[in-house]
N, C-alpha and C. Protein backbone atom coordinates (compact mmCIF):
# COMPACT_ATOMS: atom_id res chain seq x y z
N MET A 1 19.89 32.38 -13.41
CA MET A 1 19.73 31.27 -12.53
C MET A 1 21.12 30.41 -12.61
N ALA A 2 21.49 30.15 -11.30
CA ALA A 2 22.87 29.58 -11.09
C ALA A 2 22.65 28.02 -11.04
N ALA A 3 23.60 27.35 -11.49
CA ALA A 3 23.76 25.92 -11.41
C ALA A 3 24.75 25.56 -10.35
N TYR A 4 24.36 24.73 -9.33
CA TYR A 4 25.25 24.37 -8.26
C TYR A 4 25.57 22.90 -8.41
N ILE A 5 26.82 22.57 -8.03
CA ILE A 5 27.48 21.26 -8.29
C ILE A 5 28.11 20.84 -6.88
N THR A 6 28.10 19.45 -6.87
CA THR A 6 28.79 18.80 -5.84
C THR A 6 29.68 17.87 -6.52
N ALA A 7 30.99 17.87 -6.33
CA ALA A 7 31.85 17.04 -7.07
C ALA A 7 32.95 16.43 -6.12
N VAL A 8 33.42 15.21 -6.48
CA VAL A 8 34.32 14.48 -5.69
C VAL A 8 35.60 14.06 -6.62
N GLY A 9 36.72 14.46 -6.18
CA GLY A 9 37.77 13.99 -7.09
C GLY A 9 39.10 14.19 -6.27
N ASN A 10 40.20 14.25 -6.93
CA ASN A 10 41.61 14.29 -6.29
C ASN A 10 42.25 15.61 -6.73
N LEU A 11 43.08 16.13 -5.83
CA LEU A 11 43.77 17.38 -6.19
C LEU A 11 44.81 17.03 -7.20
N GLY A 12 44.90 17.90 -8.34
CA GLY A 12 45.93 17.83 -9.26
C GLY A 12 47.06 18.50 -9.01
N ARG A 13 47.08 19.51 -7.90
CA ARG A 13 48.24 20.06 -7.44
C ARG A 13 47.98 20.59 -6.04
N ASP A 14 49.00 21.17 -5.34
CA ASP A 14 48.82 21.69 -3.97
C ASP A 14 47.85 22.91 -4.09
N PRO A 15 47.06 23.19 -3.09
CA PRO A 15 46.30 24.32 -3.06
C PRO A 15 47.16 25.67 -3.20
N GLU A 16 46.61 26.63 -3.88
CA GLU A 16 47.34 27.96 -3.95
C GLU A 16 46.37 29.11 -3.40
N THR A 17 47.09 29.85 -2.43
CA THR A 17 46.28 30.96 -1.81
C THR A 17 46.98 32.15 -1.98
N ARG A 18 46.10 33.20 -2.26
CA ARG A 18 46.59 34.56 -2.44
C ARG A 18 45.73 35.56 -1.72
N ALA A 19 46.25 36.61 -1.33
CA ALA A 19 45.39 37.67 -0.56
C ALA A 19 44.72 38.38 -1.72
N VAL A 20 43.49 38.82 -1.42
CA VAL A 20 42.60 39.64 -2.20
C VAL A 20 41.97 40.71 -1.10
N GLY A 21 42.38 41.80 -1.19
CA GLY A 21 41.92 42.91 -0.27
C GLY A 21 42.14 42.46 1.18
N SER A 22 41.17 42.60 2.05
CA SER A 22 41.27 42.11 3.29
C SER A 22 41.03 40.57 3.56
N SER A 23 40.82 39.91 2.47
CA SER A 23 40.52 38.44 2.67
C SER A 23 41.64 37.59 1.85
N SER A 24 41.22 36.31 1.62
CA SER A 24 42.13 35.48 0.89
C SER A 24 41.26 34.45 -0.05
N VAL A 25 41.79 34.06 -1.13
CA VAL A 25 41.09 33.04 -1.76
C VAL A 25 42.02 31.86 -2.27
N THR A 26 41.70 30.63 -2.03
CA THR A 26 42.47 29.50 -2.31
C THR A 26 41.85 28.72 -3.49
N LYS A 27 42.88 28.50 -4.57
CA LYS A 27 42.42 27.68 -5.72
C LYS A 27 42.62 26.32 -5.62
N LEU A 28 41.72 25.42 -5.80
CA LEU A 28 41.92 23.93 -5.88
C LEU A 28 41.80 23.49 -7.40
N THR A 29 42.66 22.62 -7.85
CA THR A 29 42.31 22.05 -9.11
C THR A 29 42.09 20.58 -8.92
N ILE A 30 41.00 20.17 -9.39
CA ILE A 30 40.50 18.90 -8.88
C ILE A 30 40.27 17.93 -10.22
N ALA A 31 40.80 16.79 -10.13
CA ALA A 31 40.45 15.79 -11.27
C ALA A 31 39.32 14.93 -10.89
N CYS A 32 38.33 14.90 -11.62
CA CYS A 32 37.10 14.03 -11.33
C CYS A 32 37.11 12.98 -12.50
N ASN A 33 37.28 11.76 -12.09
CA ASN A 33 37.36 10.63 -12.98
C ASN A 33 36.00 9.85 -13.01
N HIS A 34 35.75 9.48 -14.33
CA HIS A 34 34.52 8.68 -14.62
C HIS A 34 34.82 7.82 -15.85
N LYS A 35 33.85 6.78 -16.12
CA LYS A 35 34.06 6.08 -17.28
C LYS A 35 32.83 6.39 -18.17
N ASP A 36 33.12 6.25 -19.59
CA ASP A 36 32.17 6.40 -20.49
C ASP A 36 32.27 5.30 -21.50
N LYS A 37 31.54 5.31 -22.64
CA LYS A 37 31.65 4.24 -23.54
C LYS A 37 32.95 4.21 -24.18
N ASN A 38 33.88 5.12 -24.21
CA ASN A 38 35.18 5.29 -24.84
C ASN A 38 36.25 4.87 -23.86
N GLY A 39 35.88 4.65 -22.57
CA GLY A 39 36.84 4.38 -21.43
C GLY A 39 36.88 5.41 -20.30
N ASP A 40 38.12 5.65 -19.68
CA ASP A 40 38.22 6.44 -18.64
C ASP A 40 38.27 7.88 -19.13
N VAL A 41 37.62 8.76 -18.44
CA VAL A 41 37.68 10.26 -18.73
C VAL A 41 37.87 11.03 -17.45
N THR A 42 38.77 12.07 -17.56
CA THR A 42 39.07 12.95 -16.45
C THR A 42 38.45 14.32 -16.83
N THR A 43 37.66 14.82 -15.92
CA THR A 43 37.22 16.18 -15.97
C THR A 43 37.80 17.06 -14.95
N TRP A 44 38.43 18.19 -15.35
CA TRP A 44 39.21 19.10 -14.46
C TRP A 44 38.35 20.21 -14.12
N LEU A 45 38.26 20.38 -12.79
CA LEU A 45 37.48 21.57 -12.04
C LEU A 45 38.47 22.53 -11.42
N ASN A 46 38.12 23.78 -11.47
CA ASN A 46 39.05 24.85 -10.69
C ASN A 46 38.05 25.40 -9.74
N ALA A 47 38.27 25.23 -8.35
CA ALA A 47 37.41 25.69 -7.30
C ALA A 47 38.06 26.86 -6.52
N ASP A 48 37.31 27.90 -6.33
CA ASP A 48 37.78 29.09 -5.48
C ASP A 48 37.09 29.07 -4.13
N ILE A 49 37.95 28.97 -3.13
CA ILE A 49 37.35 28.91 -1.75
C ILE A 49 37.91 30.09 -1.01
N TRP A 50 36.93 30.97 -0.52
CA TRP A 50 37.29 32.26 0.18
C TRP A 50 37.49 31.98 1.78
N GLY A 51 38.37 32.80 2.19
CA GLY A 51 38.42 33.14 3.67
C GLY A 51 39.09 31.91 4.41
N ARG A 52 38.52 31.64 5.59
CA ARG A 52 39.04 30.56 6.53
C ARG A 52 38.92 29.28 5.92
N GLY A 53 38.01 28.91 5.15
CA GLY A 53 37.76 27.59 4.53
C GLY A 53 39.10 27.35 3.69
N GLY A 54 39.36 28.44 2.82
CA GLY A 54 40.70 28.25 1.99
C GLY A 54 41.79 28.01 2.76
N GLU A 55 41.89 28.78 3.94
CA GLU A 55 43.15 28.63 4.78
C GLU A 55 43.21 27.27 5.32
N VAL A 56 42.21 26.54 5.58
CA VAL A 56 42.20 25.22 6.10
C VAL A 56 42.58 24.26 4.95
N ALA A 57 42.06 24.48 3.72
CA ALA A 57 42.52 23.60 2.57
C ALA A 57 44.02 23.80 2.44
N GLN A 58 44.61 24.95 2.48
CA GLN A 58 45.87 25.21 2.24
C GLN A 58 46.72 24.56 3.26
N GLU A 59 46.26 24.45 4.53
CA GLU A 59 47.01 23.82 5.62
C GLU A 59 47.02 22.28 5.48
N HIS A 60 45.97 21.62 5.09
CA HIS A 60 45.72 20.27 5.21
C HIS A 60 45.72 19.41 4.05
N LEU A 61 45.55 20.03 2.90
CA LEU A 61 45.42 19.23 1.57
C LEU A 61 46.82 19.25 0.81
N ARG A 62 47.01 18.34 0.10
CA ARG A 62 48.20 18.23 -0.84
C ARG A 62 47.74 17.60 -2.01
N LYS A 63 48.58 17.65 -3.08
CA LYS A 63 48.31 17.12 -4.33
C LYS A 63 47.99 15.48 -4.23
N GLY A 64 47.02 15.07 -4.88
CA GLY A 64 46.47 13.60 -4.81
C GLY A 64 45.44 13.47 -3.79
N ASP A 65 45.29 14.25 -2.82
CA ASP A 65 44.31 14.08 -1.71
C ASP A 65 42.84 14.04 -2.33
N PRO A 66 42.10 13.15 -1.86
CA PRO A 66 40.58 13.31 -2.31
C PRO A 66 39.91 14.42 -1.63
N VAL A 67 38.95 14.99 -2.27
CA VAL A 67 38.18 16.12 -1.78
C VAL A 67 36.84 16.26 -2.46
N GLN A 68 35.93 16.64 -1.64
CA GLN A 68 34.53 17.09 -2.17
C GLN A 68 34.38 18.53 -2.27
N VAL A 69 33.88 19.15 -3.44
CA VAL A 69 33.61 20.57 -3.40
C VAL A 69 32.15 20.81 -3.78
N ASN A 70 31.60 21.89 -3.28
CA ASN A 70 30.15 22.28 -3.58
C ASN A 70 30.28 23.83 -3.79
N GLY A 71 29.53 24.17 -4.78
CA GLY A 71 29.41 25.57 -5.10
C GLY A 71 28.74 25.84 -6.51
N GLU A 72 28.77 27.11 -6.89
CA GLU A 72 28.20 27.59 -8.23
C GLU A 72 29.12 27.06 -9.42
N PHE A 73 28.48 26.37 -10.35
CA PHE A 73 29.19 25.90 -11.47
C PHE A 73 29.18 26.91 -12.55
N VAL A 74 30.33 27.20 -13.18
CA VAL A 74 30.44 28.20 -14.32
C VAL A 74 31.36 27.57 -15.39
N ALA A 75 30.85 27.36 -16.52
CA ALA A 75 31.68 26.96 -17.68
C ALA A 75 32.09 28.12 -18.49
N ARG A 76 33.47 28.45 -18.40
CA ARG A 76 33.91 29.61 -19.00
C ARG A 76 34.86 29.49 -20.27
N PRO A 77 34.34 29.82 -21.34
CA PRO A 77 35.09 29.70 -22.62
C PRO A 77 36.49 30.56 -22.66
N TYR A 78 37.55 30.19 -23.22
CA TYR A 78 38.70 31.04 -23.34
C TYR A 78 39.58 30.40 -24.65
N THR A 79 40.46 31.08 -24.95
CA THR A 79 41.37 30.79 -26.10
C THR A 79 42.74 30.50 -25.50
N ASP A 80 43.17 29.28 -25.71
CA ASP A 80 44.58 29.00 -25.26
C ASP A 80 45.76 29.60 -26.17
N LYS A 81 46.90 29.34 -25.70
CA LYS A 81 48.10 29.91 -26.24
C LYS A 81 48.24 29.55 -27.77
N ALA A 82 47.64 28.36 -28.24
CA ALA A 82 47.72 27.93 -29.45
C ALA A 82 46.61 28.30 -30.33
N ASN A 83 45.73 29.14 -29.71
CA ASN A 83 44.60 29.74 -30.39
C ASN A 83 43.48 28.70 -30.51
N ASN A 84 43.44 27.72 -29.66
CA ASN A 84 42.31 26.78 -29.55
C ASN A 84 41.31 27.27 -28.63
N GLU A 85 39.97 27.00 -29.05
CA GLU A 85 38.89 27.43 -28.06
C GLU A 85 38.89 26.26 -27.03
N ARG A 86 38.72 26.70 -25.74
CA ARG A 86 38.68 25.66 -24.67
C ARG A 86 37.54 26.16 -23.71
N ILE A 87 37.25 25.30 -22.77
CA ILE A 87 36.27 25.67 -21.75
C ILE A 87 37.06 25.26 -20.36
N SER A 88 36.81 26.33 -19.49
CA SER A 88 37.34 26.10 -18.04
C SER A 88 36.11 25.86 -17.16
N ASN A 89 36.15 24.73 -16.55
CA ASN A 89 35.11 24.35 -15.59
C ASN A 89 35.27 24.91 -14.22
N ASP A 90 34.56 25.86 -13.72
CA ASP A 90 35.00 26.50 -12.54
C ASP A 90 33.87 26.28 -11.52
N VAL A 91 34.13 26.23 -10.11
CA VAL A 91 33.17 26.26 -9.02
C VAL A 91 33.60 27.39 -8.19
N LYS A 92 32.62 28.40 -8.37
CA LYS A 92 32.68 29.70 -7.69
C LYS A 92 32.13 29.60 -6.11
N ASN A 93 32.79 30.40 -5.33
CA ASN A 93 32.30 30.50 -3.91
C ASN A 93 32.01 29.06 -3.36
N ALA A 94 33.11 28.32 -3.50
CA ALA A 94 32.99 26.90 -3.09
C ALA A 94 33.32 26.62 -1.61
N SER A 95 32.65 25.55 -1.11
CA SER A 95 33.07 24.98 0.20
C SER A 95 33.75 23.59 -0.16
N PHE A 96 34.34 23.05 0.80
CA PHE A 96 34.98 21.65 0.56
C PHE A 96 34.78 20.81 1.80
N SER A 97 34.87 19.45 1.60
CA SER A 97 34.93 18.56 2.66
C SER A 97 36.10 17.61 2.35
N PHE A 98 36.73 17.13 3.57
CA PHE A 98 37.83 16.15 3.42
C PHE A 98 36.92 14.82 3.11
N VAL A 99 37.70 13.96 2.23
CA VAL A 99 37.06 12.68 1.85
C VAL A 99 38.10 11.77 2.09
N GLY A 100 37.97 10.75 3.16
CA GLY A 100 38.77 9.54 3.21
C GLY A 100 40.26 9.81 3.06
N LYS A 101 40.79 10.77 3.73
CA LYS A 101 42.26 10.93 3.58
C LYS A 101 43.05 9.74 4.14
N LYS A 102 44.12 9.38 3.41
CA LYS A 102 44.88 8.28 3.93
C LYS A 102 45.58 8.65 5.16
N PRO A 103 45.52 7.74 6.24
CA PRO A 103 46.26 8.09 7.54
C PRO A 103 47.67 7.96 7.36
N GLU A 104 48.51 8.71 8.19
CA GLU A 104 49.95 8.61 8.32
C GLU A 104 50.33 7.30 8.90
N ALA A 105 51.55 6.84 8.78
CA ALA A 105 51.99 5.61 9.26
C ALA A 105 51.71 5.56 10.78
N GLY A 106 51.02 4.46 11.25
CA GLY A 106 50.89 4.40 12.68
C GLY A 106 49.67 5.05 13.23
N GLN A 107 48.78 5.79 12.43
CA GLN A 107 47.53 6.44 12.75
C GLN A 107 46.39 5.72 12.32
N SER A 108 45.29 5.82 12.98
CA SER A 108 44.02 5.21 12.59
C SER A 108 43.28 6.25 11.66
N PRO A 109 42.53 5.81 10.80
CA PRO A 109 41.80 6.82 9.93
C PRO A 109 40.83 7.77 10.71
N ALA A 110 40.87 8.92 10.27
CA ALA A 110 40.03 9.96 10.77
C ALA A 110 38.69 10.13 10.01
N PRO A 111 37.58 10.48 10.71
CA PRO A 111 36.28 10.54 10.14
C PRO A 111 36.24 11.78 9.19
N ALA A 112 35.39 11.76 8.16
CA ALA A 112 35.28 12.81 7.22
C ALA A 112 34.94 14.04 8.10
N GLN A 113 35.61 15.11 7.60
CA GLN A 113 35.18 16.59 8.24
C GLN A 113 34.74 17.48 7.13
N SER A 114 34.11 18.52 7.56
CA SER A 114 33.51 19.47 6.71
C SER A 114 33.95 20.94 6.93
N THR A 115 34.16 21.74 6.10
CA THR A 115 34.45 23.19 6.38
C THR A 115 33.15 24.03 6.34
N GLY A 116 31.92 23.46 6.35
CA GLY A 116 30.82 24.41 6.57
C GLY A 116 29.74 23.89 5.63
N GLY A 117 28.69 23.22 6.40
CA GLY A 117 27.33 23.08 5.73
C GLY A 117 27.27 22.24 4.39
N GLY A 118 28.19 21.61 4.02
CA GLY A 118 28.21 20.93 2.82
C GLY A 118 27.28 19.65 2.88
N VAL A 119 27.27 18.91 1.80
CA VAL A 119 26.27 17.75 1.78
C VAL A 119 26.74 16.78 3.02
N GLY A 120 25.76 16.38 3.73
CA GLY A 120 26.02 15.50 4.73
C GLY A 120 26.25 16.14 6.11
N ALA A 121 26.18 17.44 6.24
CA ALA A 121 26.36 18.18 7.38
C ALA A 121 25.26 17.76 8.40
N ASP A 122 25.74 17.73 9.56
CA ASP A 122 24.67 17.32 10.56
C ASP A 122 24.27 18.61 11.32
N PRO A 123 23.10 19.26 11.00
CA PRO A 123 22.75 20.49 11.70
C PRO A 123 22.29 20.31 12.94
N PHE A 124 22.02 19.21 13.50
CA PHE A 124 21.40 18.99 14.86
C PHE A 124 22.44 18.44 15.94
N GLY A 125 23.40 17.76 15.59
CA GLY A 125 24.34 17.19 16.42
C GLY A 125 23.77 15.97 17.19
N ASP A 126 24.70 15.24 17.82
CA ASP A 126 24.31 13.90 18.45
C ASP A 126 23.27 14.16 19.58
N SER A 127 23.37 15.19 20.35
CA SER A 127 22.53 15.49 21.45
C SER A 127 21.11 15.81 21.05
N ASP A 128 20.82 16.20 19.92
CA ASP A 128 19.45 16.47 19.55
C ASP A 128 18.64 15.35 18.84
N ILE A 129 19.25 14.21 18.76
CA ILE A 129 18.60 13.02 18.14
C ILE A 129 17.65 12.59 19.22
N PRO A 130 16.26 12.55 18.87
CA PRO A 130 15.20 12.03 19.89
C PRO A 130 15.03 10.52 20.18
N PHE A 131 16.04 9.79 19.47
CA PHE A 131 15.86 8.21 19.72
C PHE A 131 17.19 7.70 19.99
């Protein structure tokens, strides 16, 4: 059984895209901040976005930009170079949504946009609302 996650955070680095066969995959590294009894905590997520959605992320997102990701959550154990046991928090087959990106100088804020069916997607459109 798969666990699905929706997370909001800021990009820790610019998106990285690479070709895989006839498609492409874009990796996002996201810092999700929250508070607990010991103070501020940052949880890092690695999200893989395939195809056109990843290409859009590569074109429009930069380090520090806020983003929402949705996808299958996988906690993957590994051993680092210093031989310490670690866990990589990965979001596989992810989709993403823009979240309140800061406008450029002289521009008005743009509404949130989605790259496909994420949380808050409007499947009906304005013309289908009966009231």
